[in-house]
Amino acid sequence: DHVGVFRQTDGKYFVGAAPTVGRISGTLLHQVADIVEAHG
């Protein structure tokens, strides 16, 4: 399921996270986008 923190082939990392049974929202996705962008 790729949940957790894992090293990539290029030395960077990917992070897998679990929401609650897939239920999200537009508001939450905007927050995710802001967090992702802030972390490069």
All heavy atoms as atom14 arrays in JSON, in Angstrom:
{
  "sequence": "DHVGVFRQTDGKYFVGAAPTVGRISGTLLHQVADIVEAHG",
  "atom14_mask": [
    [1, 1, 1, 1, 1, 1, 1, 1, 0, 0, 0, 0, 0, 0],
    [1, 1, 1, 1, 1, 1, 1, 1, 1, 1, 0, 0, 0, 0],
    [1, 1, 1, 1, 1, 1, 1, 0, 0, 0, 0, 0, 0, 0],
    [1, 1, 1, 1, 0, 0, 0, 0, 0, 0, 0, 0, 0, 0],
    [1, 1, 1, 1, 1, 1, 1, 0, 0, 0, 0, 0, 0, 0],
    [1, 1, 1, 1, 1, 1, 1, 1, 1, 1, 1, 0, 0, 0],
    [1, 1, 1, 1, 1, 1, 1, 1, 1, 1, 1, 0, 0, 0],
    [1, 1, 1, 1, 1, 1, 1, 1, 1, 0, 0, 0, 0, 0],
    [1, 1, 1, 1, 1, 1, 1, 0, 0, 0, 0, 0, 0, 0],
    [1, 1, 1, 1, 1, 1, 1, 1, 0, 0, 0, 0, 0, 0],
    [1, 1, 1, 1, 0, 0, 0, 0, 0, 0, 0, 0, 0, 0],
    [1, 1, 1, 1, 1, 1, 1, 1, 1, 0, 0, 0, 0, 0],
    [1, 1, 1, 1, 1, 1, 1, 1, 1, 1, 1, 1, 0, 0],
    [1, 1, 1, 1, 1, 1, 1, 1, 1, 1, 1, 0, 0, 0],
    [1, 1, 1, 1, 1, 1, 1, 0, 0, 0, 0, 0, 0, 0],
    [1, 1, 1, 1, 0, 0, 0, 0, 0, 0, 0, 0, 0, 0],
    [1, 1, 1, 1, 1, 0, 0, 0, 0, 0, 0, 0, 0, 0],
    [1, 1, 1, 1, 1, 0, 0, 0, 0, 0, 0, 0, 0, 0],
    [1, 1, 1, 1, 1, 1, 1, 0, 0, 0, 0, 0, 0, 0],
    [1, 1, 1, 1, 1, 1, 1, 0, 0, 0, 0, 0, 0, 0],
    [1, 1, 1, 1, 1, 1, 1, 0, 0, 0, 0, 0, 0, 0],
    [1, 1, 1, 1, 0, 0, 0, 0, 0, 0, 0, 0, 0, 0],
    [1, 1, 1, 1, 1, 1, 1, 1, 1, 1, 1, 0, 0, 0],
    [1, 1, 1, 1, 1, 1, 1, 1, 0, 0, 0, 0, 0, 0],
    [1, 1, 1, 1, 1, 1, 0, 0, 0, 0, 0, 0, 0, 0],
    [1, 1, 1, 1, 0, 0, 0, 0, 0, 0, 0, 0, 0, 0],
    [1, 1, 1, 1, 1, 1, 1, 0, 0, 0, 0, 0, 0, 0],
    [1, 1, 1, 1, 1, 1, 1, 1, 0, 0, 0, 0, 0, 0],
    [1, 1, 1, 1, 1, 1, 1, 1, 0, 0, 0, 0, 0, 0],
    [1, 1, 1, 1, 1, 1, 1, 1, 1, 1, 0, 0, 0, 0],
    [1, 1, 1, 1, 1, 1, 1, 1, 1, 0, 0, 0, 0, 0],
    [1, 1, 1, 1, 1, 1, 1, 0, 0, 0, 0, 0, 0, 0],
    [1, 1, 1, 1, 1, 0, 0, 0, 0, 0, 0, 0, 0, 0],
    [1, 1, 1, 1, 1, 1, 1, 1, 0, 0, 0, 0, 0, 0],
    [1, 1, 1, 1, 1, 1, 1, 1, 0, 0, 0, 0, 0, 0],
    [1, 1, 1, 1, 1, 1, 1, 0, 0, 0, 0, 0, 0, 0],
    [1, 1, 1, 1, 1, 1, 1, 1, 1, 0, 0, 0, 0, 0],
    [1, 1, 1, 1, 1, 0, 0, 0, 0, 0, 0, 0, 0, 0],
    [1, 1, 1, 1, 1, 1, 1, 1, 1, 1, 0, 0, 0, 0],
    [1, 1, 1, 1, 0, 0, 0, 0, 0, 0, 0, 0, 0, 0]
  ],
  "atom14_positions": [
    [[0.82, -1.22, 0.0], [0.0, 0.0, 0.0], [0.85, 1.27, 0.0], [0.32, 2.37, -0.15], [-0.98, 0.02, 1.18], [-0.28, 0.07, 2.54], [0.96, 0.18, 2.59], [-1.0, -0.01, 3.56], [0.0, 0.0, 0.0], [0.0, 0.0, 0.0], [0.0, 0.0, 0.0], [0.0, 0.0, 0.0], [0.0, 0.0, 0.0], [0.0, 0.0, 0.0]],
    [[2.15, 1.13, 0.2], [3.1, 2.25, 0.14], [2.85, 3.32, 1.21], [3.24, 4.48, 1.02], [3.12, 2.9, -1.26], [3.41, 1.93, -2.36], [4.56, 1.18, -2.41], [2.68, 1.58, -3.46], [4.55, 0.42, -3.49], [3.42, 0.63, -4.14], [0.0, 0.0, 0.0], [0.0, 0.0, 0.0], [0.0, 0.0, 0.0], [0.0, 0.0, 0.0]],
    [[2.19, 2.95, 2.29], [2.02, 3.87, 3.4], [3.3, 3.9, 4.22], [3.85, 2.86, 4.59], [0.82, 3.47, 4.28], [0.77, 4.31, 5.55], [-0.47, 3.63, 3.49], [0.0, 0.0, 0.0], [0.0, 0.0, 0.0], [0.0, 0.0, 0.0], [0.0, 0.0, 0.0], [0.0, 0.0, 0.0], [0.0, 0.0, 0.0], [0.0, 0.0, 0.0]],
    [[3.79, 5.11, 4.5], [5.03, 5.26, 5.25], [6.0, 6.15, 4.5], [5.61, 6.91, 3.62], [0.0, 0.0, 0.0], [0.0, 0.0, 0.0], [0.0, 0.0, 0.0], [0.0, 0.0, 0.0], [0.0, 0.0, 0.0], [0.0, 0.0, 0.0], [0.0, 0.0, 0.0], [0.0, 0.0, 0.0], [0.0, 0.0, 0.0], [0.0, 0.0, 0.0]],
    [[7.27, 6.06, 4.86], [8.32, 6.88, 4.26], [9.32, 5.95, 3.58], [9.84, 5.02, 4.22], [9.03, 7.73, 5.33], [10.17, 8.52, 4.7], [8.03, 8.67, 6.02], [0.0, 0.0, 0.0], [0.0, 0.0, 0.0], [0.0, 0.0, 0.0], [0.0, 0.0, 0.0], [0.0, 0.0, 0.0], [0.0, 0.0, 0.0], [0.0, 0.0, 0.0]],
    [[9.61, 6.2, 2.29], [10.46, 5.3, 1.53], [11.42, 6.11, 0.64], [11.04, 7.13, 0.05], [9.62, 4.38, 0.64], [8.63, 3.54, 1.39], [7.35, 4.03, 1.66], [8.96, 2.28, 1.84], [6.43, 3.27, 2.36], [8.05, 1.51, 2.55], [6.78, 2.01, 2.81], [0.0, 0.0, 0.0], [0.0, 0.0, 0.0], [0.0, 0.0, 0.0]],
    [[12.63, 5.61, 0.52], [13.63, 6.24, -0.32], [13.35, 5.94, -1.78], [12.94, 4.83, -2.14], [15.03, 5.72, 0.06], [16.18, 6.5, -0.56], [17.52, 5.95, -0.04], [18.65, 6.67, -0.6], [19.16, 7.78, -0.09], [18.63, 8.29, 1.03], [20.19, 8.37, -0.66], [0.0, 0.0, 0.0], [0.0, 0.0, 0.0], [0.0, 0.0, 0.0]],
    [[13.56, 6.92, -2.65], [13.39, 6.77, -4.08], [14.72, 6.42, -4.76], [15.8, 6.5, -4.16], [12.85, 8.07, -4.7], [11.48, 8.48, -4.19], [10.96, 9.77, -4.83], [9.84, 10.17, -4.56], [11.76, 10.44, -5.65], [0.0, 0.0, 0.0], [0.0, 0.0, 0.0], [0.0, 0.0, 0.0], [0.0, 0.0, 0.0], [0.0, 0.0, 0.0]],
    [[14.64, 6.09, -6.02], [15.84, 5.75, -6.78], [16.79, 6.94, -6.92], [18.0, 6.75, -7.08], [15.46, 5.26, -8.18], [14.63, 6.23, -8.82], [14.71, 3.92, -8.12], [0.0, 0.0, 0.0], [0.0, 0.0, 0.0], [0.0, 0.0, 0.0], [0.0, 0.0, 0.0], [0.0, 0.0, 0.0], [0.0, 0.0, 0.0], [0.0, 0.0, 0.0]],
    [[16.26, 8.16, -6.85], [17.1, 9.35, -7.02], [17.6, 9.91, -5.69], [18.19, 10.99, -5.65], [16.35, 10.43, -7.8], [15.08, 10.89, -7.1], [14.78, 10.39, -5.99], [14.36, 11.75, -7.67], [0.0, 0.0, 0.0], [0.0, 0.0, 0.0], [0.0, 0.0, 0.0], [0.0, 0.0, 0.0], [0.0, 0.0, 0.0], [0.0, 0.0, 0.0]],
    [[17.35, 9.21, -4.58], [17.8, 9.67, -3.28], [16.8, 10.5, -2.52], [16.95, 10.72, -1.31], [0.0, 0.0, 0.0], [0.0, 0.0, 0.0], [0.0, 0.0, 0.0], [0.0, 0.0, 0.0], [0.0, 0.0, 0.0], [0.0, 0.0, 0.0], [0.0, 0.0, 0.0], [0.0, 0.0, 0.0], [0.0, 0.0, 0.0], [0.0, 0.0, 0.0]],
    [[15.75, 10.99, -3.19], [14.67, 11.67, -2.51], [13.74, 10.62, -1.88], [14.02, 9.42, -1.93], [13.91, 12.57, -3.48], [14.74, 13.72, -4.04], [13.93, 14.58, -5.0], [14.77, 15.71, -5.57], [14.0, 16.56, -6.52], [0.0, 0.0, 0.0], [0.0, 0.0, 0.0], [0.0, 0.0, 0.0], [0.0, 0.0, 0.0], [0.0, 0.0, 0.0]],
    [[12.63, 11.07, -1.31], [11.72, 10.17, -0.61], [10.28, 10.34, -1.1], [9.9, 11.42, -1.57], [11.77, 10.41, 0.9], [13.06, 9.95, 1.53], [14.22, 10.7, 1.43], [13.12, 8.73, 2.21], [15.41, 10.28, 2.0], [14.3, 8.29, 2.79], [15.45, 9.07, 2.68], [16.63, 8.63, 3.23], [0.0, 0.0, 0.0], [0.0, 0.0, 0.0]],
    [[9.51, 9.26, -0.99], [8.06, 9.41, -1.14], [7.4, 9.05, 0.17], [7.9, 8.22, 0.94], [7.5, 8.6, -2.31], [7.55, 7.11, -2.18], [6.56, 6.4, -1.5], [8.58, 6.38, -2.77], [6.59, 5.02, -1.39], [8.62, 5.0, -2.67], [7.64, 4.31, -1.99], [0.0, 0.0, 0.0], [0.0, 0.0, 0.0], [0.0, 0.0, 0.0]],
    [[6.28, 9.73, 0.43], [5.55, 9.56, 1.68], [4.11, 9.14, 1.36], [3.41, 9.85, 0.62], [5.55, 10.87, 2.5], [4.7, 10.71, 3.76], [6.97, 11.28, 2.86], [0.0, 0.0, 0.0], [0.0, 0.0, 0.0], [0.0, 0.0, 0.0], [0.0, 0.0, 0.0], [0.0, 0.0, 0.0], [0.0, 0.0, 0.0], [0.0, 0.0, 0.0]],
    [[3.69, 8.0, 1.9], [2.33, 7.53, 1.7], [1.51, 7.75, 2.96], [1.94, 7.39, 4.06], [0.0, 0.0, 0.0], [0.0, 0.0, 0.0], [0.0, 0.0, 0.0], [0.0, 0.0, 0.0], [0.0, 0.0, 0.0], [0.0, 0.0, 0.0], [0.0, 0.0, 0.0], [0.0, 0.0, 0.0], [0.0, 0.0, 0.0], [0.0, 0.0, 0.0]],
    [[0.34, 8.35, 2.81], [-0.49, 8.7, 3.96], [-1.91, 8.15, 3.8], [-2.43, 8.06, 2.69], [-0.53, 10.21, 4.15], [0.0, 0.0, 0.0], [0.0, 0.0, 0.0], [0.0, 0.0, 0.0], [0.0, 0.0, 0.0], [0.0, 0.0, 0.0], [0.0, 0.0, 0.0], [0.0, 0.0, 0.0], [0.0, 0.0, 0.0], [0.0, 0.0, 0.0]],
    [[-2.52, 7.83, 4.94], [-3.85, 7.23, 4.95], [-4.89, 8.24, 5.42], [-4.85, 8.67, 6.58], [-3.87, 6.02, 5.86], [0.0, 0.0, 0.0], [0.0, 0.0, 0.0], [0.0, 0.0, 0.0], [0.0, 0.0, 0.0], [0.0, 0.0, 0.0], [0.0, 0.0, 0.0], [0.0, 0.0, 0.0], [0.0, 0.0, 0.0], [0.0, 0.0, 0.0]],
    [[-5.83, 8.62, 4.56], [-7.02, 9.32, 5.05], [-7.95, 8.3, 5.7], [-7.59, 7.13, 5.87], [-7.62, 9.9, 3.77], [-7.18, 8.97, 2.7], [-5.85, 8.4, 3.11], [0.0, 0.0, 0.0], [0.0, 0.0, 0.0], [0.0, 0.0, 0.0], [0.0, 0.0, 0.0], [0.0, 0.0, 0.0], [0.0, 0.0, 0.0], [0.0, 0.0, 0.0]],
    [[-9.13, 8.71, 6.06], [-10.09, 7.79, 6.68], [-11.02, 7.25, 5.61], [-11.86, 7.98, 5.08], [-10.9, 8.49, 7.79], [-9.98, 9.01, 8.75], [-11.83, 7.51, 8.48], [0.0, 0.0, 0.0], [0.0, 0.0, 0.0], [0.0, 0.0, 0.0], [0.0, 0.0, 0.0], [0.0, 0.0, 0.0], [0.0, 0.0, 0.0], [0.0, 0.0, 0.0]],
    [[-10.83, 5.98, 5.25], [-11.62, 5.23, 4.25], [-11.9, 6.04, 2.99], [-12.99, 5.97, 2.42], [-12.93, 4.67, 4.86], [-12.62, 3.62, 5.9], [-13.83, 5.74, 5.46], [0.0, 0.0, 0.0], [0.0, 0.0, 0.0], [0.0, 0.0, 0.0], [0.0, 0.0, 0.0], [0.0, 0.0, 0.0], [0.0, 0.0, 0.0], [0.0, 0.0, 0.0]],
    [[-10.92, 6.81, 2.54], [-11.04, 7.52, 1.28], [-11.88, 8.78, 1.31], [-12.0, 9.48, 0.29], [0.0, 0.0, 0.0], [0.0, 0.0, 0.0], [0.0, 0.0, 0.0], [0.0, 0.0, 0.0], [0.0, 0.0, 0.0], [0.0, 0.0, 0.0], [0.0, 0.0, 0.0], [0.0, 0.0, 0.0], [0.0, 0.0, 0.0], [0.0, 0.0, 0.0]],
    [[-12.45, 9.11, 2.44], [-13.31, 10.3, 2.51], [-12.44, 11.56, 2.69], [-11.74, 11.69, 3.68], [-14.3, 10.15, 3.66], [-15.22, 11.34, 3.96], [-15.98, 11.86, 2.76], [-16.77, 10.91, 2.01], [-18.04, 10.58, 2.3], [-18.64, 11.09, 3.35], [-18.69, 9.73, 1.53], [0.0, 0.0, 0.0], [0.0, 0.0, 0.0], [0.0, 0.0, 0.0]],
    [[-12.49, 12.42, 1.7], [-11.72, 13.65, 1.73], [-12.67, 14.8, 1.4], [-13.86, 14.71, 1.6], [-10.53, 13.6, 0.74], [-11.0, 13.16, -0.66], [-9.45, 12.65, 1.26], [-9.93, 13.2, -1.7], [0.0, 0.0, 0.0], [0.0, 0.0, 0.0], [0.0, 0.0, 0.0], [0.0, 0.0, 0.0], [0.0, 0.0, 0.0], [0.0, 0.0, 0.0]],
    [[-12.15, 15.91, 0.9], [-12.98, 17.06, 0.54], [-12.14, 17.99, -0.32], [-10.9, 17.88, -0.38], [-13.46, 17.81, 1.79], [-12.36, 18.4, 2.46], [0.0, 0.0, 0.0], [0.0, 0.0, 0.0], [0.0, 0.0, 0.0], [0.0, 0.0, 0.0], [0.0, 0.0, 0.0], [0.0, 0.0, 0.0], [0.0, 0.0, 0.0], [0.0, 0.0, 0.0]],
    [[-12.81, 18.93, -0.97], [-12.08, 19.93, -1.72], [-11.2, 20.77, -0.81], [-10.05, 21.1, -1.15], [0.0, 0.0, 0.0], [0.0, 0.0, 0.0], [0.0, 0.0, 0.0], [0.0, 0.0, 0.0], [0.0, 0.0, 0.0], [0.0, 0.0, 0.0], [0.0, 0.0, 0.0], [0.0, 0.0, 0.0], [0.0, 0.0, 0.0], [0.0, 0.0, 0.0]],
    [[-11.72, 21.1, 0.35], [-10.93, 21.88, 1.32], [-9.67, 21.14, 1.71], [-8.57, 21.72, 1.74], [-11.78, 22.17, 2.57], [-12.93, 22.94, 2.2], [-10.97, 22.92, 3.61], [0.0, 0.0, 0.0], [0.0, 0.0, 0.0], [0.0, 0.0, 0.0], [0.0, 0.0, 0.0], [0.0, 0.0, 0.0], [0.0, 0.0, 0.0], [0.0, 0.0, 0.0]],
    [[-9.81, 19.84, 2.01], [-8.65, 19.04, 2.39], [-7.64, 18.95, 1.24], [-6.42, 19.05, 1.46], [-9.09, 17.64, 2.8], [-7.97, 16.7, 3.23], [-7.45, 17.1, 4.61], [-8.44, 15.26, 3.24], [0.0, 0.0, 0.0], [0.0, 0.0, 0.0], [0.0, 0.0, 0.0], [0.0, 0.0, 0.0], [0.0, 0.0, 0.0], [0.0, 0.0, 0.0]],
    [[-8.12, 18.8, 0.02], [-7.2, 18.68, -1.11], [-6.43, 19.98, -1.35], [-5.27, 19.96, -1.75], [-7.97, 18.28, -2.37], [-8.51, 16.85, -2.37], [-9.29, 16.56, -3.64], [-7.39, 15.83, -2.2], [0.0, 0.0, 0.0], [0.0, 0.0, 0.0], [0.0, 0.0, 0.0], [0.0, 0.0, 0.0], [0.0, 0.0, 0.0], [0.0, 0.0, 0.0]],
    [[-7.07, 21.11, -1.09], [-6.34, 22.38, -1.16], [-5.24, 22.44, -0.09], [-4.13, 22.91, -0.35], [-7.3, 23.56, -0.98], [-7.77, 24.14, -2.28], [-6.91, 24.58, -3.26], [-9.03, 24.36, -2.75], [-7.6, 25.03, -4.29], [-8.89, 24.91, -4.01], [0.0, 0.0, 0.0], [0.0, 0.0, 0.0], [0.0, 0.0, 0.0], [0.0, 0.0, 0.0]],
    [[-5.57, 21.94, 1.1], [-4.55, 21.91, 2.15], [-3.4, 20.99, 1.76], [-2.22, 21.31, 1.99], [-5.19, 21.45, 3.46], [-6.19, 22.42, 4.04], [-6.93, 21.85, 5.25], [-7.37, 20.7, 5.23], [-7.05, 22.64, 6.3], [0.0, 0.0, 0.0], [0.0, 0.0, 0.0], [0.0, 0.0, 0.0], [0.0, 0.0, 0.0], [0.0, 0.0, 0.0]],
    [[-3.73, 19.85, 1.17], [-2.68, 18.94, 0.7], [-1.81, 19.63, -0.34], [-0.57, 19.55, -0.28], [-3.3, 17.66, 0.1], [-2.23, 16.8, -0.58], [-4.01, 16.84, 1.17], [0.0, 0.0, 0.0], [0.0, 0.0, 0.0], [0.0, 0.0, 0.0], [0.0, 0.0, 0.0], [0.0, 0.0, 0.0], [0.0, 0.0, 0.0], [0.0, 0.0, 0.0]],
    [[-2.43, 20.31, -1.28], [-1.66, 20.99, -2.33], [-0.72, 22.03, -1.73], [0.44, 22.15, -2.16], [-2.62, 21.63, -3.33], [0.0, 0.0, 0.0], [0.0, 0.0, 0.0], [0.0, 0.0, 0.0], [0.0, 0.0, 0.0], [0.0, 0.0, 0.0], [0.0, 0.0, 0.0], [0.0, 0.0, 0.0], [0.0, 0.0, 0.0], [0.0, 0.0, 0.0]],
    [[-1.22, 22.79, -0.76], [-0.36, 23.8, -0.13], [0.83, 23.14, 0.57], [1.97, 23.63, 0.48], [-1.17, 24.61, 0.88], [-2.2, 25.53, 0.22], [-2.06, 25.8, -0.99], [-3.14, 25.95, 0.93], [0.0, 0.0, 0.0], [0.0, 0.0, 0.0], [0.0, 0.0, 0.0], [0.0, 0.0, 0.0], [0.0, 0.0, 0.0], [0.0, 0.0, 0.0]],
    [[0.57, 22.04, 1.27], [1.64, 21.35, 1.99], [2.66, 20.76, 1.01], [3.88, 20.88, 1.2], [1.05, 20.24, 2.88], [0.26, 20.86, 4.04], [2.14, 19.32, 3.42], [-0.58, 19.87, 4.82], [0.0, 0.0, 0.0], [0.0, 0.0, 0.0], [0.0, 0.0, 0.0], [0.0, 0.0, 0.0], [0.0, 0.0, 0.0], [0.0, 0.0, 0.0]],
    [[2.17, 20.14, -0.05], [3.06, 19.53, -1.04], [3.94, 20.6, -1.7], [5.15, 20.43, -1.82], [2.23, 18.78, -2.11], [3.11, 18.34, -3.28], [1.54, 17.57, -1.48], [0.0, 0.0, 0.0], [0.0, 0.0, 0.0], [0.0, 0.0, 0.0], [0.0, 0.0, 0.0], [0.0, 0.0, 0.0], [0.0, 0.0, 0.0], [0.0, 0.0, 0.0]],
    [[3.32, 21.7, -2.07], [4.09, 22.78, -2.7], [5.13, 23.36, -1.74], [6.27, 23.62, -2.13], [3.15, 23.88, -3.18], [3.85, 24.98, -3.96], [2.89, 25.97, -4.58], [1.74, 26.09, -4.08], [3.26, 26.63, -5.56], [0.0, 0.0, 0.0], [0.0, 0.0, 0.0], [0.0, 0.0, 0.0], [0.0, 0.0, 0.0], [0.0, 0.0, 0.0]],
    [[4.74, 23.53, -0.48], [5.66, 24.1, 0.51], [6.86, 23.18, 0.76], [7.92, 23.64, 1.21], [4.92, 24.35, 1.82], [0.0, 0.0, 0.0], [0.0, 0.0, 0.0], [0.0, 0.0, 0.0], [0.0, 0.0, 0.0], [0.0, 0.0, 0.0], [0.0, 0.0, 0.0], [0.0, 0.0, 0.0], [0.0, 0.0, 0.0], [0.0, 0.0, 0.0]],
    [[6.7, 21.89, 0.45], [7.79, 20.93, 0.67], [8.49, 20.55, -0.63], [9.2, 19.54, -0.7], [7.26, 19.7, 1.39], [6.92, 19.96, 2.83], [5.74, 20.56, 3.22], [7.62, 19.74, 3.98], [5.73, 20.68, 4.53], [6.85, 20.19, 5.01], [0.0, 0.0, 0.0], [0.0, 0.0, 0.0], [0.0, 0.0, 0.0], [0.0, 0.0, 0.0]],
    [[8.28, 21.37, -1.67], [9.08, 21.27, -2.87], [8.71, 20.19, -3.86], [9.51, 19.85, -4.75], [0.0, 0.0, 0.0], [0.0, 0.0, 0.0], [0.0, 0.0, 0.0], [0.0, 0.0, 0.0], [0.0, 0.0, 0.0], [0.0, 0.0, 0.0], [0.0, 0.0, 0.0], [0.0, 0.0, 0.0], [0.0, 0.0, 0.0], [0.0, 0.0, 0.0]]
  ]
}
